[in-house]
N, C-alpha and C. Protein backbone atom coordinates (compact mmCIF):
# COMPACT_ATOMS: atom_id res chain seq x y z
N MET A 1 0.85 -1.18 0.00
CA MET A 1 0.00 0.00 0.00
C MET A 1 0.89 1.25 0.00
N LEU A 2 0.41 2.32 -0.63
CA LEU A 2 1.15 3.58 -0.67
C LEU A 2 0.86 4.41 0.57
N TYR A 3 1.94 4.92 1.18
CA TYR A 3 1.83 5.77 2.36
C TYR A 3 2.61 7.06 2.12
N GLY A 4 2.18 8.12 2.78
CA GLY A 4 2.87 9.40 2.74
C GLY A 4 2.64 10.12 4.06
N ILE A 5 3.39 11.19 4.29
CA ILE A 5 3.28 11.94 5.55
C ILE A 5 3.14 13.41 5.20
N ALA A 6 2.19 14.08 5.87
CA ALA A 6 1.90 15.48 5.52
C ALA A 6 1.39 16.26 6.72
N ILE A 7 1.45 17.58 6.56
CA ILE A 7 0.83 18.53 7.48
C ILE A 7 -0.36 19.13 6.73
N PHE A 8 -1.49 19.23 7.41
CA PHE A 8 -2.64 19.94 6.84
C PHE A 8 -2.75 21.30 7.54
N PRO A 9 -2.64 22.39 6.79
CA PRO A 9 -2.79 23.71 7.41
C PRO A 9 -4.25 23.95 7.79
N ASP A 10 -4.50 25.05 8.50
CA ASP A 10 -5.87 25.32 8.94
C ASP A 10 -6.80 25.62 7.76
N LYS A 11 -8.09 25.69 8.06
CA LYS A 11 -9.11 25.82 7.02
C LYS A 11 -8.94 27.07 6.17
N GLU A 12 -8.56 28.19 6.76
CA GLU A 12 -8.39 29.42 5.99
C GLU A 12 -7.35 29.23 4.88
N ILE A 13 -6.24 28.60 5.22
CA ILE A 13 -5.17 28.37 4.24
C ILE A 13 -5.62 27.35 3.20
N GLN A 14 -6.28 26.28 3.65
CA GLN A 14 -6.78 25.29 2.70
C GLN A 14 -7.78 25.91 1.73
N ASP A 15 -8.68 26.75 2.24
CA ASP A 15 -9.66 27.40 1.37
C ASP A 15 -8.98 28.31 0.35
N ALA A 16 -7.98 29.07 0.80
CA ALA A 16 -7.26 29.96 -0.12
C ALA A 16 -6.55 29.13 -1.20
N ALA A 17 -5.85 28.08 -0.78
CA ALA A 17 -5.14 27.23 -1.74
C ALA A 17 -6.12 26.55 -2.68
N ASN A 18 -7.22 26.06 -2.14
CA ASN A 18 -8.19 25.33 -2.96
C ASN A 18 -8.89 26.22 -3.98
N SER A 19 -8.98 27.51 -3.70
CA SER A 19 -9.59 28.41 -4.69
C SER A 19 -8.77 28.42 -5.98
N TRP A 20 -7.47 28.15 -5.90
CA TRP A 20 -6.61 28.04 -7.08
C TRP A 20 -6.47 26.59 -7.53
N ARG A 21 -6.39 25.67 -6.58
CA ARG A 21 -6.19 24.26 -6.92
C ARG A 21 -7.33 23.70 -7.75
N VAL A 22 -8.55 24.12 -7.47
CA VAL A 22 -9.71 23.57 -8.19
C VAL A 22 -9.55 23.72 -9.70
N ARG A 23 -8.85 24.77 -10.13
CA ARG A 23 -8.65 25.01 -11.57
C ARG A 23 -7.28 24.59 -12.07
N HIS A 24 -6.28 24.56 -11.19
CA HIS A 24 -4.90 24.42 -11.65
C HIS A 24 -4.14 23.22 -11.09
N ASP A 25 -4.79 22.36 -10.30
CA ASP A 25 -4.11 21.21 -9.72
C ASP A 25 -4.91 19.95 -9.99
N PRO A 26 -4.41 19.06 -10.87
CA PRO A 26 -5.16 17.84 -11.18
C PRO A 26 -5.33 16.91 -9.98
N HIS A 27 -4.59 17.13 -8.88
CA HIS A 27 -4.73 16.30 -7.68
C HIS A 27 -5.72 16.88 -6.68
N TYR A 28 -6.38 17.96 -7.06
CA TYR A 28 -7.31 18.65 -6.16
C TYR A 28 -8.32 17.70 -5.51
N CYS A 29 -8.88 16.80 -6.28
CA CYS A 29 -9.93 15.90 -5.76
C CYS A 29 -9.38 14.77 -4.90
N ASN A 30 -8.07 14.54 -4.95
CA ASN A 30 -7.50 13.37 -4.28
C ASN A 30 -6.99 13.64 -2.87
N ILE A 31 -6.63 14.90 -2.57
CA ILE A 31 -6.06 15.20 -1.26
C ILE A 31 -6.27 16.68 -0.97
N PRO A 32 -6.60 17.02 0.29
CA PRO A 32 -6.73 18.44 0.64
C PRO A 32 -5.37 19.15 0.52
N ALA A 33 -5.42 20.47 0.50
CA ALA A 33 -4.18 21.26 0.49
C ALA A 33 -3.31 20.85 1.68
N HIS A 34 -2.01 20.68 1.44
CA HIS A 34 -1.13 20.13 2.47
C HIS A 34 0.32 20.51 2.20
N LEU A 35 1.17 20.26 3.20
CA LEU A 35 2.63 20.34 3.05
C LEU A 35 3.14 18.91 3.14
N THR A 36 3.78 18.41 2.11
CA THR A 36 4.31 17.06 2.11
C THR A 36 5.57 17.00 2.97
N LEU A 37 5.61 16.03 3.88
CA LEU A 37 6.80 15.79 4.68
C LEU A 37 7.57 14.57 4.17
N ARG A 38 6.86 13.65 3.56
CA ARG A 38 7.49 12.47 2.96
C ARG A 38 6.62 12.02 1.80
N ASP A 39 7.26 11.89 0.64
CA ASP A 39 6.54 11.50 -0.56
C ASP A 39 5.97 10.08 -0.43
N ALA A 40 5.01 9.78 -1.27
CA ALA A 40 4.36 8.48 -1.28
C ALA A 40 5.35 7.37 -1.60
N GLU A 41 5.20 6.27 -0.88
CA GLU A 41 6.02 5.09 -1.15
C GLU A 41 5.30 3.85 -0.66
N GLU A 42 5.65 2.73 -1.28
CA GLU A 42 5.07 1.43 -0.90
C GLU A 42 5.67 0.96 0.41
N TRP A 43 4.82 0.56 1.35
CA TRP A 43 5.26 -0.05 2.60
C TRP A 43 4.48 -1.34 2.81
N ASP A 44 5.18 -2.33 3.34
CA ASP A 44 4.47 -3.52 3.78
C ASP A 44 4.01 -3.29 5.22
N ASP A 45 3.30 -4.26 5.80
CA ASP A 45 2.75 -4.09 7.14
C ASP A 45 3.83 -3.86 8.19
N SER A 46 4.94 -4.59 8.09
CA SER A 46 5.99 -4.44 9.11
C SER A 46 6.66 -3.07 9.00
N THR A 47 6.87 -2.57 7.79
CA THR A 47 7.44 -1.23 7.62
C THR A 47 6.49 -0.19 8.18
N ARG A 48 5.19 -0.37 7.94
CA ARG A 48 4.20 0.58 8.46
C ARG A 48 4.23 0.60 9.99
N GLU A 49 4.31 -0.56 10.61
CA GLU A 49 4.32 -0.62 12.07
C GLU A 49 5.58 0.02 12.65
N LEU A 50 6.74 -0.24 12.03
CA LEU A 50 7.98 0.43 12.46
C LEU A 50 7.88 1.93 12.27
N ALA A 51 7.29 2.34 11.16
CA ALA A 51 7.12 3.77 10.88
C ALA A 51 6.25 4.43 11.93
N ILE A 52 5.16 3.79 12.31
CA ILE A 52 4.26 4.37 13.31
C ILE A 52 4.98 4.57 14.64
N LEU A 53 5.76 3.59 15.06
CA LEU A 53 6.54 3.74 16.31
C LEU A 53 7.52 4.90 16.19
N HIS A 54 8.19 4.98 15.07
CA HIS A 54 9.15 6.07 14.83
C HIS A 54 8.44 7.43 14.83
N LEU A 55 7.30 7.52 14.16
CA LEU A 55 6.57 8.78 14.08
C LEU A 55 6.04 9.21 15.44
N GLN A 56 5.64 8.26 16.28
CA GLN A 56 5.23 8.59 17.65
C GLN A 56 6.41 9.20 18.41
N HIS A 57 7.58 8.62 18.23
CA HIS A 57 8.79 9.13 18.88
C HIS A 57 9.11 10.55 18.39
N VAL A 58 9.04 10.76 17.09
CA VAL A 58 9.30 12.10 16.53
C VAL A 58 8.32 13.11 17.10
N ALA A 59 7.03 12.78 17.10
CA ALA A 59 6.01 13.72 17.60
C ALA A 59 6.23 14.06 19.07
N SER A 60 6.74 13.11 19.84
CA SER A 60 6.96 13.37 21.27
C SER A 60 8.09 14.38 21.50
N ALA A 61 8.93 14.59 20.51
CA ALA A 61 10.08 15.49 20.66
C ALA A 61 9.79 16.91 20.16
N PHE A 62 8.67 17.12 19.50
CA PHE A 62 8.37 18.44 18.91
C PHE A 62 7.30 19.16 19.70
N LYS A 63 7.44 20.48 19.78
CA LYS A 63 6.42 21.35 20.34
C LYS A 63 5.67 21.99 19.17
N PRO A 64 4.40 22.38 19.40
CA PRO A 64 3.69 23.11 18.34
C PRO A 64 4.49 24.34 17.91
N PHE A 65 4.39 24.67 16.63
CA PHE A 65 5.11 25.84 16.10
C PHE A 65 4.23 26.54 15.08
N SER A 66 4.53 27.80 14.85
CA SER A 66 3.78 28.61 13.89
C SER A 66 4.51 28.64 12.56
N ILE A 67 3.73 28.67 11.49
CA ILE A 67 4.29 28.89 10.16
C ILE A 67 3.49 30.02 9.50
N ARG A 68 4.16 30.72 8.60
CA ARG A 68 3.51 31.83 7.90
C ARG A 68 3.82 31.73 6.41
N PHE A 69 2.77 31.73 5.62
CA PHE A 69 2.90 31.78 4.16
C PHE A 69 2.87 33.25 3.77
N ASN A 70 3.91 33.71 3.06
CA ASN A 70 3.99 35.15 2.77
C ASN A 70 4.14 35.48 1.29
N ARG A 71 4.09 34.46 0.43
CA ARG A 71 4.26 34.75 -1.00
C ARG A 71 3.88 33.52 -1.82
N VAL A 72 3.73 33.77 -3.12
CA VAL A 72 3.56 32.69 -4.09
C VAL A 72 4.90 32.53 -4.80
N SER A 73 5.29 31.29 -5.06
CA SER A 73 6.53 31.03 -5.78
C SER A 73 6.30 29.89 -6.76
N THR A 74 7.36 29.53 -7.48
CA THR A 74 7.25 28.49 -8.50
C THR A 74 8.53 27.64 -8.52
N PHE A 75 8.38 26.40 -8.98
CA PHE A 75 9.54 25.53 -9.17
C PHE A 75 10.05 25.57 -10.62
N PHE A 76 9.47 26.43 -11.45
CA PHE A 76 9.89 26.55 -12.84
C PHE A 76 11.38 26.90 -12.89
N PRO A 77 12.20 26.31 -13.74
CA PRO A 77 11.90 25.45 -14.88
C PRO A 77 11.92 23.96 -14.56
N VAL A 78 12.20 23.60 -13.30
CA VAL A 78 12.25 22.19 -12.94
C VAL A 78 10.87 21.55 -13.05
N SER A 79 9.85 22.29 -12.64
CA SER A 79 8.48 21.79 -12.64
C SER A 79 7.53 22.98 -12.82
N ASN A 80 6.49 22.78 -13.59
CA ASN A 80 5.49 23.84 -13.79
C ASN A 80 4.49 23.82 -12.63
N THR A 81 5.01 24.18 -11.46
CA THR A 81 4.24 24.15 -10.22
C THR A 81 4.27 25.52 -9.58
N LEU A 82 3.10 25.97 -9.11
CA LEU A 82 2.97 27.19 -8.31
C LEU A 82 2.63 26.79 -6.89
N TYR A 83 3.14 27.54 -5.91
CA TYR A 83 2.87 27.17 -4.53
C TYR A 83 2.88 28.37 -3.60
N LEU A 84 2.22 28.19 -2.44
CA LEU A 84 2.32 29.13 -1.34
C LEU A 84 3.61 28.81 -0.60
N ALA A 85 4.46 29.82 -0.43
CA ALA A 85 5.78 29.61 0.17
C ALA A 85 5.81 30.10 1.61
N LEU A 86 6.63 29.44 2.41
CA LEU A 86 6.79 29.81 3.81
C LEU A 86 7.81 30.93 3.97
N GLU A 87 7.52 31.81 4.92
CA GLU A 87 8.47 32.87 5.25
C GLU A 87 9.74 32.28 5.87
N GLU A 88 9.56 31.39 6.84
CA GLU A 88 10.68 30.74 7.53
C GLU A 88 10.45 29.22 7.51
N PRO A 89 11.05 28.50 6.58
CA PRO A 89 10.75 27.07 6.44
C PRO A 89 11.55 26.14 7.36
N GLN A 90 12.51 26.66 8.12
CA GLN A 90 13.46 25.79 8.81
C GLN A 90 12.82 24.80 9.78
N THR A 91 11.80 25.21 10.53
CA THR A 91 11.18 24.28 11.48
C THR A 91 10.53 23.10 10.76
N VAL A 92 9.90 23.36 9.63
CA VAL A 92 9.29 22.27 8.85
C VAL A 92 10.39 21.38 8.26
N ILE A 93 11.48 21.97 7.82
CA ILE A 93 12.62 21.19 7.31
C ILE A 93 13.18 20.30 8.41
N THR A 94 13.31 20.84 9.62
CA THR A 94 13.81 20.06 10.76
C THR A 94 12.87 18.91 11.08
N LEU A 95 11.56 19.15 11.02
CA LEU A 95 10.58 18.09 11.24
C LEU A 95 10.72 17.00 10.18
N LYS A 96 10.85 17.38 8.93
CA LYS A 96 11.02 16.40 7.85
C LYS A 96 12.29 15.57 8.08
N GLN A 97 13.38 16.22 8.48
CA GLN A 97 14.63 15.50 8.73
C GLN A 97 14.45 14.48 9.86
N ALA A 98 13.72 14.86 10.90
CA ALA A 98 13.48 13.93 12.01
C ALA A 98 12.62 12.75 11.55
N ILE A 99 11.61 13.03 10.74
CA ILE A 99 10.74 11.97 10.23
C ILE A 99 11.53 11.02 9.33
N CYS A 100 12.37 11.57 8.49
CA CYS A 100 13.12 10.77 7.50
C CYS A 100 14.46 10.31 8.07
N SER A 101 14.43 9.85 9.31
CA SER A 101 15.62 9.31 9.96
C SER A 101 15.27 7.93 10.51
N GLY A 102 16.24 7.28 11.16
CA GLY A 102 15.99 5.97 11.75
C GLY A 102 15.44 5.00 10.73
N PRO A 103 14.32 4.33 11.06
CA PRO A 103 13.78 3.33 10.13
C PRO A 103 13.23 3.94 8.83
N LEU A 104 13.06 5.25 8.80
CA LEU A 104 12.55 5.92 7.59
C LEU A 104 13.63 6.73 6.88
N VAL A 105 14.89 6.41 7.16
CA VAL A 105 15.99 7.13 6.51
C VAL A 105 15.88 6.96 5.00
N GLN A 106 16.21 8.02 4.29
CA GLN A 106 16.15 8.00 2.83
C GLN A 106 17.54 8.23 2.26
N PRO A 107 17.79 7.69 1.06
CA PRO A 107 19.07 7.96 0.42
C PRO A 107 19.21 9.46 0.15
N LEU A 108 20.44 9.93 0.15
CA LEU A 108 20.67 11.34 -0.15
C LEU A 108 20.14 11.68 -1.53
N SER A 109 19.58 12.88 -1.64
CA SER A 109 19.01 13.33 -2.90
C SER A 109 19.64 14.67 -3.26
N ASN A 110 19.74 14.93 -4.55
CA ASN A 110 20.25 16.23 -4.97
C ASN A 110 19.12 17.26 -5.05
N GLN A 111 17.91 16.83 -4.71
CA GLN A 111 16.75 17.72 -4.73
C GLN A 111 16.62 18.39 -3.36
N VAL A 112 16.49 19.71 -3.35
CA VAL A 112 16.34 20.47 -2.10
C VAL A 112 14.87 20.41 -1.68
N TYR A 113 14.63 20.12 -0.41
CA TYR A 113 13.26 20.09 0.11
C TYR A 113 12.80 21.52 0.37
N THR A 114 11.68 21.88 -0.23
CA THR A 114 11.09 23.20 -0.06
C THR A 114 9.66 23.01 0.45
N PRO A 115 9.43 23.19 1.76
CA PRO A 115 8.07 23.02 2.27
C PRO A 115 7.14 24.05 1.63
N HIS A 116 5.96 23.61 1.21
CA HIS A 116 5.04 24.49 0.49
C HIS A 116 3.66 23.86 0.41
N VAL A 117 2.69 24.66 0.00
CA VAL A 117 1.35 24.18 -0.34
C VAL A 117 1.15 24.45 -1.82
N THR A 118 0.98 23.39 -2.60
CA THR A 118 0.79 23.52 -4.04
C THR A 118 -0.56 24.17 -4.35
N ILE A 119 -0.54 25.14 -5.28
CA ILE A 119 -1.80 25.74 -5.74
C ILE A 119 -2.01 25.50 -7.24
N GLY A 120 -1.00 24.99 -7.92
CA GLY A 120 -1.12 24.65 -9.33
C GLY A 120 0.03 23.76 -9.75
N ARG A 121 -0.26 22.76 -10.58
CA ARG A 121 0.81 21.86 -11.06
C ARG A 121 0.49 21.41 -12.47
N ASP A 122 1.56 20.96 -13.15
CA ASP A 122 1.43 20.45 -14.52
C ASP A 122 0.74 21.47 -15.44
N MET A 123 1.04 22.73 -15.21
CA MET A 123 0.41 23.81 -15.97
C MET A 123 1.20 24.09 -17.24
N PRO A 124 0.53 24.48 -18.33
CA PRO A 124 1.26 24.95 -19.50
C PRO A 124 2.12 26.16 -19.09
N ALA A 125 3.30 26.30 -19.68
CA ALA A 125 4.24 27.35 -19.28
C ALA A 125 3.62 28.75 -19.37
N ASP A 126 2.87 29.02 -20.42
CA ASP A 126 2.25 30.35 -20.57
C ASP A 126 1.27 30.64 -19.43
N GLU A 127 0.47 29.65 -19.10
CA GLU A 127 -0.50 29.81 -18.01
C GLU A 127 0.23 29.99 -16.67
N LEU A 128 1.27 29.20 -16.45
CA LEU A 128 2.07 29.32 -15.23
C LEU A 128 2.62 30.73 -15.08
N HIS A 129 3.26 31.24 -16.11
CA HIS A 129 3.88 32.57 -16.03
C HIS A 129 2.84 33.67 -15.86
N ASP A 130 1.70 33.54 -16.53
CA ASP A 130 0.64 34.53 -16.40
C ASP A 130 0.09 34.56 -14.97
N LEU A 131 -0.23 33.38 -14.45
CA LEU A 131 -0.79 33.30 -13.10
C LEU A 131 0.24 33.72 -12.06
N TYR A 132 1.48 33.27 -12.22
CA TYR A 132 2.54 33.65 -11.28
C TYR A 132 2.75 35.16 -11.30
N GLY A 133 2.76 35.75 -12.47
CA GLY A 133 2.92 37.20 -12.58
C GLY A 133 1.83 37.95 -11.84
N ASN A 134 0.61 37.46 -11.92
CA ASN A 134 -0.50 38.10 -11.21
C ASN A 134 -0.44 37.86 -9.71
N LEU A 135 -0.17 36.62 -9.31
CA LEU A 135 -0.21 36.27 -7.89
C LEU A 135 0.96 36.83 -7.10
N ARG A 136 2.11 36.97 -7.71
CA ARG A 136 3.25 37.47 -6.94
C ARG A 136 3.08 38.94 -6.58
N MET A 137 2.14 39.63 -7.24
CA MET A 137 1.83 41.02 -6.89
C MET A 137 0.81 41.08 -5.74
N SER A 138 0.19 39.95 -5.43
CA SER A 138 -0.83 39.90 -4.38
C SER A 138 -0.18 39.86 -3.01
N SER A 139 -0.90 40.38 -2.04
CA SER A 139 -0.46 40.31 -0.65
C SER A 139 -0.87 38.95 -0.09
N ILE A 140 0.11 38.17 0.33
CA ILE A 140 -0.13 36.85 0.90
C ILE A 140 0.30 36.90 2.36
N ASP A 141 -0.61 36.55 3.27
CA ASP A 141 -0.27 36.56 4.69
C ASP A 141 -1.20 35.59 5.42
N TYR A 142 -0.81 34.33 5.46
CA TYR A 142 -1.56 33.29 6.14
C TYR A 142 -0.66 32.64 7.18
N SER A 143 -1.17 32.56 8.41
CA SER A 143 -0.41 31.92 9.49
C SER A 143 -1.25 30.81 10.10
N THR A 144 -0.56 29.81 10.62
CA THR A 144 -1.24 28.71 11.30
C THR A 144 -0.27 28.09 12.30
N VAL A 145 -0.84 27.45 13.30
CA VAL A 145 -0.04 26.69 14.27
C VAL A 145 -0.06 25.23 13.82
N VAL A 146 1.12 24.65 13.76
CA VAL A 146 1.26 23.23 13.42
C VAL A 146 1.45 22.49 14.74
N ASP A 147 0.53 21.59 15.05
CA ASP A 147 0.64 20.83 16.30
C ASP A 147 0.57 19.32 16.08
N ARG A 148 0.60 18.94 14.79
CA ARG A 148 0.54 17.51 14.47
C ARG A 148 0.91 17.30 13.00
N PHE A 149 1.19 16.05 12.67
CA PHE A 149 1.34 15.65 11.27
C PHE A 149 0.58 14.34 11.10
N HIS A 150 0.42 13.91 9.85
CA HIS A 150 -0.47 12.79 9.56
C HIS A 150 0.20 11.76 8.67
N LEU A 151 0.00 10.50 9.01
CA LEU A 151 0.37 9.38 8.15
C LEU A 151 -0.84 9.10 7.27
N LEU A 152 -0.65 9.17 5.96
CA LEU A 152 -1.73 9.00 4.99
C LEU A 152 -1.55 7.71 4.21
N TYR A 153 -2.64 7.18 3.70
CA TYR A 153 -2.56 6.06 2.77
C TYR A 153 -3.44 6.36 1.57
N LYS A 154 -3.08 5.78 0.44
CA LYS A 154 -3.82 5.98 -0.79
C LYS A 154 -4.92 4.93 -0.90
N THR A 155 -6.14 5.39 -1.12
CA THR A 155 -7.28 4.47 -1.23
C THR A 155 -7.34 3.86 -2.63
N ASP A 156 -8.16 2.84 -2.77
CA ASP A 156 -8.35 2.20 -4.07
C ASP A 156 -8.94 3.16 -5.10
N GLN A 157 -9.65 4.19 -4.64
CA GLN A 157 -10.25 5.17 -5.54
C GLN A 157 -9.27 6.29 -5.92
N GLY A 158 -8.05 6.25 -5.38
CA GLY A 158 -7.03 7.24 -5.73
C GLY A 158 -6.92 8.42 -4.79
N GLY A 159 -7.79 8.50 -3.80
CA GLY A 159 -7.72 9.57 -2.81
C GLY A 159 -6.76 9.23 -1.68
N TRP A 160 -6.42 10.22 -0.90
CA TRP A 160 -5.55 10.03 0.26
C TRP A 160 -6.34 10.26 1.53
N THR A 161 -6.17 9.35 2.52
CA THR A 161 -6.89 9.41 3.78
C THR A 161 -5.90 9.26 4.93
N ALA A 162 -6.16 9.97 6.03
CA ALA A 162 -5.29 9.86 7.20
C ALA A 162 -5.50 8.50 7.87
N LEU A 163 -4.40 7.79 8.06
CA LEU A 163 -4.43 6.55 8.82
C LEU A 163 -4.27 6.85 10.30
N GLN A 164 -3.35 7.79 10.60
CA GLN A 164 -3.08 8.15 11.99
C GLN A 164 -2.51 9.56 12.04
N SER A 165 -2.89 10.29 13.09
CA SER A 165 -2.34 11.63 13.33
C SER A 165 -1.40 11.56 14.52
N PHE A 166 -0.36 12.37 14.48
CA PHE A 166 0.67 12.37 15.52
C PHE A 166 0.76 13.78 16.09
N GLN A 167 0.19 13.95 17.29
CA GLN A 167 0.18 15.27 17.92
C GLN A 167 1.51 15.48 18.65
N PHE A 168 2.04 16.71 18.53
CA PHE A 168 3.30 17.04 19.19
C PHE A 168 3.11 17.01 20.70
N LYS A 169 4.12 16.49 21.40
CA LYS A 169 4.05 16.37 22.86
C LYS A 169 5.27 16.96 23.55
N GLY A 170 6.18 17.55 22.78
CA GLY A 170 7.44 18.06 23.34
C GLY A 170 7.26 19.27 24.22
């Protein structure tokens, strides 16, 4: 089964992101607006159980923290993706590093992790540049407190559902 790990921001941020995602993100129907902490991967039952124990340990070491989205950015030319960007991403990066350690350690990658909420993906270049040009002039100021993360699994219908939530206890 496919599993992934994510943070779901509060409703205000999800609503703002979804107002763009409904038109510009083909994954809109499959998962709410989120920040990916670990990409989808196949796990067997024993890997899932080890992961849950590890994720409980990680959550016990973290305290709730605030994040603020302050701009729209893009991964162009690597990917035709638009996203809400964090003002200070380091705490989310630290959380991802803790999650992707121990039994969930990943091979080194040359890809830099950029925590974000996607608002558009797989867009034609002209549409991407037009929308980005308009949105980067907009005032973006969304804040939320992160007090948990979620282990998700992919359903047979292609959607993503939370299997377990891990509340911070640090």
